[in-house]
Amino acid sequence: MTGLQALQAVQYVNVKNRRYVVMEAEDWEALLEWIETVEDLEVFQQAQNELKAAGGDPDAAGWLCWDDIRDELA
């Protein structure tokens, strides 16, 4: 299920003059996954734009060398 489908599958309930959305947990998880994917794509596109602006040079784009930081992340 896509995030849009999850949003379209919600049900509305009114409790004490307040309107709430109810959805299945699986739909909620699908929605979260969809949002995370959208965020990942935005980060990727930003990185690609920075690399392109730096003429394709990762150093000029400010990217870190994996060999230099690998041990810091372990």
Protein backbone atom coordinates (compact mmCIF):
# COMPACT_ATOMS: atom_id res chain seq x y z
CA MET A 1 0.00 0.00 0.00
CA THR A 2 1.30 3.45 -0.85
CA GLY A 3 1.20 6.39 1.51
CA LEU A 4 -1.59 7.95 -0.52
CA GLN A 5 -3.63 4.76 -0.33
CA ALA A 6 -3.07 4.64 3.43
CA LEU A 7 -4.32 8.20 3.76
CA GLN A 8 -7.37 7.44 1.65
CA ALA A 9 -8.20 4.37 3.77
CA VAL A 10 -8.62 6.25 7.06
CA GLN A 11 -11.90 6.40 8.91
CA TYR A 12 -13.13 9.39 10.84
CA VAL A 13 -14.73 9.28 14.26
CA ASN A 14 -16.18 12.03 16.41
CA VAL A 15 -15.58 11.93 20.13
CA LYS A 16 -16.71 14.76 22.40
CA ASN A 17 -17.02 17.21 19.51
CA ARG A 18 -13.53 16.38 18.22
CA ARG A 19 -12.81 14.63 14.94
CA TYR A 20 -10.17 11.87 14.91
CA VAL A 21 -8.63 9.69 12.23
CA VAL A 22 -8.52 5.94 12.74
CA MET A 23 -6.40 3.66 10.61
CA GLU A 24 -5.04 0.14 10.76
CA ALA A 25 -1.55 -0.23 12.19
CA GLU A 26 -0.32 -1.77 8.93
CA ASP A 27 -1.57 1.28 7.04
CA TRP A 28 0.16 3.57 9.56
CA GLU A 29 3.42 1.68 9.05
CA ALA A 30 3.03 1.94 5.27
CA LEU A 31 2.45 5.68 5.61
CA LEU A 32 5.58 6.10 7.74
CA GLU A 33 7.63 4.09 5.25
CA TRP A 34 6.31 6.24 2.40
CA ILE A 35 7.23 9.46 4.25
CA GLU A 36 10.71 8.12 5.02
CA THR A 37 11.20 7.27 1.34
CA VAL A 38 10.16 10.78 0.30
CA GLU A 39 12.62 12.26 2.80
CA ASP A 40 15.39 9.97 1.57
CA LEU A 41 14.74 11.04 -2.02
CA GLU A 42 14.94 14.70 -1.01
CA VAL A 43 18.31 14.13 0.70
CA PHE A 44 19.57 12.23 -2.35
CA GLN A 45 18.44 14.96 -4.75
CA GLN A 46 20.10 17.64 -2.61
CA ALA A 47 23.35 15.67 -2.56
CA GLN A 48 23.19 15.17 -6.32
CA ASN A 49 22.63 18.90 -6.84
CA GLU A 50 25.59 19.74 -4.61
CA LEU A 51 27.79 17.28 -6.48
CA LYS A 52 26.69 18.69 -9.82
CA ALA A 53 27.35 22.25 -8.63
CA ALA A 54 30.85 21.13 -7.59
CA GLY A 55 31.53 19.88 -11.10
CA GLY A 56 31.22 16.25 -10.06
CA ASP A 57 34.06 16.52 -7.53
CA PRO A 58 33.02 14.95 -4.20
CA ASP A 59 35.78 16.80 -2.32
CA ALA A 60 34.65 20.17 -3.69
CA ALA A 61 31.06 19.27 -2.75
CA GLY A 62 32.19 18.76 0.84
CA TRP A 63 31.62 15.03 0.86
CA LEU A 64 33.65 12.96 3.30
CA CYS A 65 35.88 10.11 2.17
CA TRP A 66 34.57 6.78 3.47
CA ASP A 67 38.08 5.52 4.24
CA ASP A 68 38.67 8.58 6.44
CA ILE A 69 35.54 8.23 8.58
CA ARG A 70 34.73 4.51 8.54
CA ASP A 71 36.39 3.83 11.89
CA GLU A 72 34.61 6.78 13.54
CA LEU A 73 31.23 5.21 12.84
CA ALA A 74 32.02 1.78 14.22
